[in-house]
Amino acid sequence: MGGGGELDAAERAAIVADEELWWLLHPPRIAIVGAANVGKSTLANQLFGQERSITADLPGTTRDWVGETANLDGLAVTLVDTPGIRQTNDAIESTAIERAGEQLRGADLVVLVLDGSRPLEPEQGALITRFPDAVGVINKSDLLPAWSNIQGIPVCARSGDGVGALREVIRGRFHVGRRPGQRKWWMREQRSMLIDGDAVLFEA
């Protein structure tokens, strides 16, 4: 251990930016959202590393949110796959979509999945507006794109292409770095003290 006052400004800034130990102790909650039938649950299964969500080429297959711990290259997260968001007359599906809103409000990060192979319907456009800070994913990158004016990580959820890049972006959102030997903070109070110029840290 060492005192934060022994560090120069650049070293303190690097440690403050690295939240790896904090998120190790407090796994972040990540919600995967999207319109119906965009490949959201297929992508969730890729991130889980095994099949946890039922998938089919039919809207409304996911009737309730599915949450479980996933390992994203060393970052443990609670990954929540939510039902496809759409207008529906199905009472059960409608209730599931409403309940998924609770999961979204409690999420530390939203991954928004769009289907790049079909025109941008109102449901997808509304989600882009609703979640401006989400990590955007353009699924079905193996198919002819229907539009190209929206930024996102190109992914083919069926084959897993692009999923590695998505994992890296998610890790980056939580400021998780791989810096062997760097001291780390593990309480918010320590982080505040570091910013003020003094803190006690643990060696990595």
C-alpha atoms as a PDB file:
ATOM      1  CA  MET A   1       0.000   0.000   0.000  1.00  0.00           C
ATOM      2  CA  GLY A   2       1.020   3.577  -0.438  1.00  0.00           C
ATOM      3  CA  GLY A   3      -0.125   7.129   0.064  1.00  0.00           C
ATOM      4  CA  GLY A   4      -1.731   8.976  -2.795  1.00  0.00           C
ATOM      5  CA  GLY A   5       0.364  12.030  -1.938  1.00  0.00           C
ATOM      6  CA  GLU A   6       3.469  10.185  -3.218  1.00  0.00           C
ATOM      7  CA  LEU A   7       2.003  10.060  -6.725  1.00  0.00           C
ATOM      8  CA  ASP A   8       2.294  12.737  -9.356  1.00  0.00           C
ATOM      9  CA  ALA A   9      -0.805  14.145 -11.064  1.00  0.00           C
ATOM     10  CA  ALA A  10      -0.541  11.853 -14.102  1.00  0.00           C
ATOM     11  CA  GLU A  11      -0.261   8.720 -11.948  1.00  0.00           C
ATOM     12  CA  ARG A  12      -3.227   9.750  -9.819  1.00  0.00           C
ATOM     13  CA  ALA A  13      -5.294  10.450 -12.939  1.00  0.00           C
ATOM     14  CA  ALA A  14      -4.484   6.997 -14.364  1.00  0.00           C
ATOM     15  CA  ILE A  15      -5.520   5.285 -11.133  1.00  0.00           C
ATOM     16  CA  VAL A  16      -8.725   7.317 -10.820  1.00  0.00           C
ATOM     17  CA  ALA A  17      -9.684   6.343 -14.392  1.00  0.00           C
ATOM     18  CA  ASP A  18      -9.149   2.619 -13.728  1.00  0.00           C
ATOM     19  CA  GLU A  19     -12.317   1.312 -12.051  1.00  0.00           C
ATOM     20  CA  GLU A  20     -11.409  -2.371 -12.352  1.00  0.00           C
ATOM     21  CA  LEU A  21     -11.363  -3.173  -8.628  1.00  0.00           C
ATOM     22  CA  TRP A  22     -14.579  -1.220  -7.949  1.00  0.00           C
ATOM     23  CA  TRP A  23     -16.506  -3.109 -10.632  1.00  0.00           C
ATOM     24  CA  LEU A  24     -14.972  -6.409  -9.459  1.00  0.00           C
ATOM     25  CA  LEU A  25     -16.560  -5.808  -6.059  1.00  0.00           C
ATOM     26  CA  HIS A  26     -19.750  -4.298  -7.498  1.00  0.00           C
ATOM     27  CA  PRO A  27     -20.546  -6.135 -10.789  1.00  0.00           C
ATOM     28  CA  PRO A  28     -22.306  -3.750 -13.190  1.00  0.00           C
ATOM     29  CA  ARG A  29     -25.781  -4.455 -14.516  1.00  0.00           C
ATOM     30  CA  ILE A  30     -26.068  -4.403 -18.311  1.00  0.00           C
ATOM     31  CA  ALA A  31     -29.434  -4.451 -20.066  1.00  0.00           C
ATOM     32  CA  ILE A  32     -29.736  -5.591 -23.681  1.00  0.00           C
ATOM     33  CA  VAL A  33     -32.629  -3.859 -25.428  1.00  0.00           C
ATOM     34  CA  GLY A  34     -34.016  -3.734 -28.941  1.00  0.00           C
ATOM     35  CA  ALA A  35     -37.122  -3.954 -31.033  1.00  0.00           C
ATOM     36  CA  ALA A  36     -38.678  -7.366 -31.598  1.00  0.00           C
ATOM     37  CA  ASN A  37     -36.757  -9.877 -33.711  1.00  0.00           C
ATOM     38  CA  VAL A  38     -33.501  -7.909 -34.111  1.00  0.00           C
ATOM     39  CA  GLY A  39     -31.349 -10.794 -32.780  1.00  0.00           C
ATOM     40  CA  LYS A  40     -31.117  -9.457 -29.267  1.00  0.00           C
ATOM     41  CA  SER A  41     -31.420 -12.801 -27.472  1.00  0.00           C
ATOM     42  CA  THR A  42     -28.985 -14.460 -29.884  1.00  0.00           C
ATOM     43  CA  LEU A  43     -26.462 -11.759 -29.008  1.00  0.00           C
ATOM     44  CA  ALA A  44     -27.181 -12.249 -25.303  1.00  0.00           C
ATOM     45  CA  ASN A  45     -26.417 -15.963 -25.649  1.00  0.00           C
ATOM     46  CA  GLN A  46     -23.086 -15.104 -27.285  1.00  0.00           C
ATOM     47  CA  LEU A  47     -22.203 -12.844 -24.350  1.00  0.00           C
ATOM     48  CA  PHE A  48     -23.357 -15.431 -21.810  1.00  0.00           C
ATOM     49  CA  GLY A  49     -21.165 -17.963 -23.590  1.00  0.00           C
ATOM     50  CA  GLN A  50     -24.029 -20.474 -23.618  1.00  0.00           C
ATOM     51  CA  GLU A  51     -27.735 -20.563 -24.390  1.00  0.00           C
ATOM     52  CA  ARG A  52     -29.723 -18.759 -21.711  1.00  0.00           C
ATOM     53  CA  SER A  53     -32.411 -17.069 -23.841  1.00  0.00           C
ATOM     54  CA  ILE A  54     -34.757 -18.882 -26.211  1.00  0.00           C
ATOM     55  CA  THR A  55     -34.367 -17.641 -29.775  1.00  0.00           C
ATOM     56  CA  ALA A  56     -36.612 -17.954 -32.826  1.00  0.00           C
ATOM     57  CA  ASP A  57     -37.383 -16.009 -35.986  1.00  0.00           C
ATOM     58  CA  LEU A  58     -40.644 -14.793 -34.482  1.00  0.00           C
ATOM     59  CA  PRO A  59     -41.325 -11.508 -32.674  1.00  0.00           C
ATOM     60  CA  GLY A  60     -42.154 -11.808 -28.993  1.00  0.00           C
ATOM     61  CA  THR A  61     -40.174 -15.007 -28.332  1.00  0.00           C
ATOM     62  CA  THR A  62     -38.597 -13.553 -25.179  1.00  0.00           C
ATOM     63  CA  ARG A  63     -41.579 -13.082 -22.850  1.00  0.00           C
ATOM     64  CA  ASP A  64     -39.688 -11.939 -19.733  1.00  0.00           C
ATOM     65  CA  TRP A  65     -36.263 -10.614 -18.850  1.00  0.00           C
ATOM     66  CA  VAL A  66     -33.462 -13.131 -18.343  1.00  0.00           C
ATOM     67  CA  GLY A  67     -30.641 -12.121 -16.013  1.00  0.00           C
ATOM     68  CA  GLU A  68     -27.456 -13.953 -15.087  1.00  0.00           C
ATOM     69  CA  THR A  69     -23.790 -13.307 -14.432  1.00  0.00           C
ATOM     70  CA  ALA A  70     -21.583 -13.258 -17.525  1.00  0.00           C
ATOM     71  CA  ASN A  71     -17.800 -13.070 -17.771  1.00  0.00           C
ATOM     72  CA  LEU A  72     -16.718 -10.431 -20.292  1.00  0.00           C
ATOM     73  CA  ASP A  73     -12.998 -11.181 -20.526  1.00  0.00           C
ATOM     74  CA  GLY A  74     -12.458 -10.847 -16.788  1.00  0.00           C
ATOM     75  CA  LEU A  75     -15.218  -8.330 -16.063  1.00  0.00           C
ATOM     76  CA  ALA A  76     -18.124 -10.010 -14.254  1.00  0.00           C
ATOM     77  CA  VAL A  77     -21.460  -8.401 -15.140  1.00  0.00           C
ATOM     78  CA  THR A  78     -25.121  -9.109 -14.535  1.00  0.00           C
ATOM     79  CA  LEU A  79     -26.398  -9.370 -18.073  1.00  0.00           C
ATOM     80  CA  VAL A  80     -30.130  -8.815 -18.562  1.00  0.00           C
ATOM     81  CA  ASP A  81     -31.841  -9.814 -21.810  1.00  0.00           C
ATOM     82  CA  THR A  82     -35.163  -7.952 -22.046  1.00  0.00           C
ATOM     83  CA  PRO A  83     -38.204  -8.687 -24.248  1.00  0.00           C
ATOM     84  CA  GLY A  84     -38.286  -7.070 -27.673  1.00  0.00           C
ATOM     85  CA  ILE A  85     -39.967  -3.677 -27.432  1.00  0.00           C
ATOM     86  CA  ARG A  86     -42.942  -3.290 -29.773  1.00  0.00           C
ATOM     87  CA  GLN A  87     -46.649  -2.476 -29.831  1.00  0.00           C
ATOM     88  CA  THR A  88     -48.561  -5.660 -29.104  1.00  0.00           C
ATOM     89  CA  ASN A  89     -52.072  -6.809 -28.213  1.00  0.00           C
ATOM     90  CA  ASP A  90     -50.666  -9.839 -26.371  1.00  0.00           C
ATOM     91  CA  ALA A  91     -51.387  -9.165 -22.680  1.00  0.00           C
ATOM     92  CA  ILE A  92     -48.580 -11.414 -21.416  1.00  0.00           C
ATOM     93  CA  GLU A  93     -45.980  -9.905 -23.755  1.00  0.00           C
ATOM     94  CA  SER A  94     -47.185  -6.377 -22.972  1.00  0.00           C
ATOM     95  CA  THR A  95     -46.806  -6.998 -19.229  1.00  0.00           C
ATOM     96  CA  ALA A  96     -43.323  -8.444 -19.756  1.00  0.00           C
ATOM     97  CA  ILE A  97     -42.262  -5.350 -21.721  1.00  0.00           C
ATOM     98  CA  GLU A  98     -43.587  -3.114 -18.958  1.00  0.00           C
ATOM     99  CA  ARG A  99     -41.759  -5.092 -16.272  1.00  0.00           C
ATOM    100  CA  ALA A 100     -38.544  -4.908 -18.306  1.00  0.00           C
ATOM    101  CA  GLY A 101     -38.658  -1.136 -17.800  1.00  0.00           C
ATOM    102  CA  GLU A 102     -37.717  -1.698 -14.170  1.00  0.00           C
ATOM    103  CA  GLN A 103     -34.582  -3.549 -15.267  1.00  0.00           C
ATOM    104  CA  LEU A 104     -33.663  -0.724 -17.632  1.00  0.00           C
ATOM    105  CA  ARG A 105     -33.978   1.912 -14.920  1.00  0.00           C
ATOM    106  CA  GLY A 106     -31.593  -0.055 -12.704  1.00  0.00           C
ATOM    107  CA  ALA A 107     -28.994  -0.734 -15.411  1.00  0.00           C
ATOM    108  CA  ASP A 108     -25.482   0.709 -15.312  1.00  0.00           C
ATOM    109  CA  LEU A 109     -25.256   0.359 -19.087  1.00  0.00           C
ATOM    110  CA  VAL A 110     -27.674  -0.287 -21.950  1.00  0.00           C
ATOM    111  CA  VAL A 111     -26.670  -2.217 -25.072  1.00  0.00           C
ATOM    112  CA  LEU A 112     -29.041  -1.241 -27.881  1.00  0.00           C
ATOM    113  CA  VAL A 113     -29.342  -3.828 -30.666  1.00  0.00           C
ATOM    114  CA  LEU A 114     -30.512  -2.701 -34.104  1.00  0.00           C
ATOM    115  CA  ASP A 115     -31.167  -4.842 -37.168  1.00  0.00           C
ATOM    116  CA  GLY A 116     -29.075  -3.303 -39.925  1.00  0.00           C
ATOM    117  CA  SER A 117     -30.644  -5.492 -42.610  1.00  0.00           C
ATOM    118  CA  ARG A 118     -34.156  -4.054 -42.435  1.00  0.00           C
ATOM    119  CA  PRO A 119     -35.491  -0.504 -42.742  1.00  0.00           C
ATOM    120  CA  LEU A 120     -35.330   1.600 -39.598  1.00  0.00           C
ATOM    121  CA  GLU A 121     -38.863   1.178 -38.284  1.00  0.00           C
ATOM    122  CA  PRO A 122     -40.368   3.612 -35.740  1.00  0.00           C
ATOM    123  CA  GLU A 123     -39.659   1.172 -32.880  1.00  0.00           C
ATOM    124  CA  GLN A 124     -35.924   1.163 -33.601  1.00  0.00           C
ATOM    125  CA  GLY A 125     -35.802   4.920 -34.146  1.00  0.00           C
ATOM    126  CA  ALA A 126     -37.621   5.538 -30.860  1.00  0.00           C
ATOM    127  CA  LEU A 127     -35.109   3.384 -28.982  1.00  0.00           C
ATOM    128  CA  ILE A 128     -32.178   5.355 -30.431  1.00  0.00           C
ATOM    129  CA  THR A 129     -33.775   8.533 -29.096  1.00  0.00           C
ATOM    130  CA  ARG A 130     -34.654   6.955 -25.750  1.00  0.00           C
ATOM    131  CA  PHE A 131     -31.148   5.607 -25.063  1.00  0.00           C
ATOM    132  CA  PRO A 132     -28.658   8.178 -26.413  1.00  0.00           C
ATOM    133  CA  ASP A 133     -25.810   6.896 -24.198  1.00  0.00           C
ATOM    134  CA  ALA A 134     -26.281   3.224 -25.037  1.00  0.00           C
ATOM    135  CA  VAL A 135     -23.627   1.075 -26.686  1.00  0.00           C
ATOM    136  CA  GLY A 136     -25.070   0.668 -30.178  1.00  0.00           C
ATOM    137  CA  VAL A 137     -24.860  -2.686 -31.945  1.00  0.00           C
ATOM    138  CA  ILE A 138     -25.731  -3.136 -35.628  1.00  0.00           C
ATOM    139  CA  ASN A 139     -26.689  -6.797 -35.899  1.00  0.00           C
ATOM    140  CA  LYS A 140     -26.869  -8.994 -39.015  1.00  0.00           C
ATOM    141  CA  SER A 141     -23.737  -7.444 -40.485  1.00  0.00           C
ATOM    142  CA  ASP A 142     -23.466 -10.461 -42.792  1.00  0.00           C
ATOM    143  CA  LEU A 143     -26.518  -9.249 -44.724  1.00  0.00           C
ATOM    144  CA  LEU A 144     -26.947  -6.353 -47.134  1.00  0.00           C
ATOM    145  CA  PRO A 145     -27.355  -3.184 -45.028  1.00  0.00           C
ATOM    146  CA  ALA A 146     -30.623  -1.279 -45.281  1.00  0.00           C
ATOM    147  CA  TRP A 147     -29.078   1.971 -44.003  1.00  0.00           C
ATOM    148  CA  SER A 148     -25.656   3.344 -43.054  1.00  0.00           C
ATOM    149  CA  ASN A 149     -26.273   6.663 -41.285  1.00  0.00           C
ATOM    150  CA  ILE A 150     -26.180   5.347 -37.692  1.00  0.00           C
ATOM    151  CA  GLN A 151     -23.002   4.461 -35.832  1.00  0.00           C
ATOM    152  CA  GLY A 152     -22.672   1.149 -34.003  1.00  0.00           C
ATOM    153  CA  ILE A 153     -20.560  -1.960 -33.593  1.00  0.00           C
ATOM    154  CA  PRO A 154     -21.160  -4.305 -36.554  1.00  0.00           C
ATOM    155  CA  VAL A 155     -22.011  -7.770 -35.267  1.00  0.00           C
ATOM    156  CA  CYS A 156     -23.341 -11.037 -36.601  1.00  0.00           C
ATOM    157  CA  ALA A 157     -24.929 -12.537 -33.498  1.00  0.00           C
ATOM    158  CA  ARG A 158     -25.509 -15.928 -35.133  1.00  0.00           C
ATOM    159  CA  SER A 159     -21.836 -16.501 -35.926  1.00  0.00           C
ATOM    160  CA  GLY A 160     -20.318 -14.414 -33.137  1.00  0.00           C
ATOM    161  CA  ASP A 161     -18.464 -12.087 -35.518  1.00  0.00           C
ATOM    162  CA  GLY A 162     -17.890  -8.725 -33.837  1.00  0.00           C
ATOM    163  CA  VAL A 163     -18.813  -9.937 -30.341  1.00  0.00           C
ATOM    164  CA  GLY A 164     -15.188  -9.652 -29.195  1.00  0.00           C
ATOM    165  CA  ALA A 165     -15.148  -5.989 -30.199  1.00  0.00           C
ATOM    166  CA  LEU A 166     -18.399  -5.455 -28.289  1.00  0.00           C
ATOM    167  CA  ARG A 167     -16.908  -7.010 -25.166  1.00  0.00           C
ATOM    168  CA  GLU A 168     -13.942  -4.656 -25.413  1.00  0.00           C
ATOM    169  CA  VAL A 169     -16.178  -1.604 -25.796  1.00  0.00           C
ATOM    170  CA  ILE A 170     -18.227  -2.638 -22.757  1.00  0.00           C
ATOM    171  CA  ARG A 171     -15.068  -3.062 -20.689  1.00  0.00           C
ATOM    172  CA  GLY A 172     -13.967   0.377 -21.820  1.00  0.00           C
ATOM    173  CA  ARG A 173     -17.258   1.922 -20.730  1.00  0.00           C
ATOM    174  CA  PHE A 174     -16.494   0.748 -17.201  1.00  0.00           C
ATOM    175  CA  HIS A 175     -12.904   2.002 -17.417  1.00  0.00           C
ATOM    176  CA  VAL A 176     -11.520  -1.467 -16.860  1.00  0.00           C
ATOM    177  CA  GLY A 177      -7.913  -1.546 -17.960  1.00  0.00           C
ATOM    178  CA  ARG A 178      -5.210  -4.166 -17.914  1.00  0.00           C
ATOM    179  CA  ARG A 179      -2.384  -2.438 -16.098  1.00  0.00           C
ATOM    180  CA  PRO A 180      -0.334  -5.058 -14.184  1.00  0.00           C
ATOM    181  CA  GLY A 181       1.197  -3.684 -11.006  1.00  0.00           C
ATOM    182  CA  GLN A 182      -0.831  -0.473 -10.900  1.00  0.00           C
ATOM    183  CA  ARG A 183      -2.343   0.458  -7.557  1.00  0.00           C
ATOM    184  CA  LYS A 184      -6.128   0.624  -7.492  1.00  0.00           C
ATOM    185  CA  TRP A 185      -8.922   2.207  -5.500  1.00  0.00           C
ATOM    186  CA  TRP A 186     -11.817   0.089  -4.223  1.00  0.00           C
ATOM    187  CA  MET A 187     -14.015   2.560  -2.328  1.00  0.00           C
ATOM    188  CA  ARG A 188     -15.587   5.769  -3.624  1.00  0.00           C
ATOM    189  CA  GLU A 189     -14.037   7.568  -0.658  1.00  0.00           C
ATOM    190  CA  GLN A 190     -10.579   6.507  -1.849  1.00  0.00           C
ATOM    191  CA  ARG A 191     -11.336   7.807  -5.317  1.00  0.00           C
ATOM    192  CA  SER A 192     -12.390  11.168  -3.897  1.00  0.00           C
ATOM    193  CA  MET A 193      -9.224  11.295  -1.800  1.00  0.00           C
ATOM    194  CA  LEU A 194      -7.128  10.500  -4.861  1.00  0.00           C
ATOM    195  CA  ILE A 195      -8.717  13.356  -6.743  1.00  0.00           C
ATOM    196  CA  ASP A 196      -7.916  15.599  -3.757  1.00  0.00           C
ATOM    197  CA  GLY A 197      -4.341  14.302  -3.716  1.00  0.00           C
ATOM    198  CA  ASP A 198      -4.281  11.746  -0.923  1.00  0.00           C
ATOM    199  CA  ALA A 199      -5.476   8.143  -0.577  1.00  0.00           C
ATOM    200  CA  VAL A 200      -4.437   4.673   0.530  1.00  0.00           C
ATOM    201  CA  LEU A 201      -4.501   2.136  -2.300  1.00  0.00           C
ATOM    202  CA  PHE A 202      -4.039  -1.568  -2.752  1.00  0.00           C
ATOM    203  CA  GLU A 203      -1.310  -2.931  -5.008  1.00  0.00           C
ATOM    204  CA  ALA A 204      -2.719  -4.724  -8.060  1.00  0.00           C
END
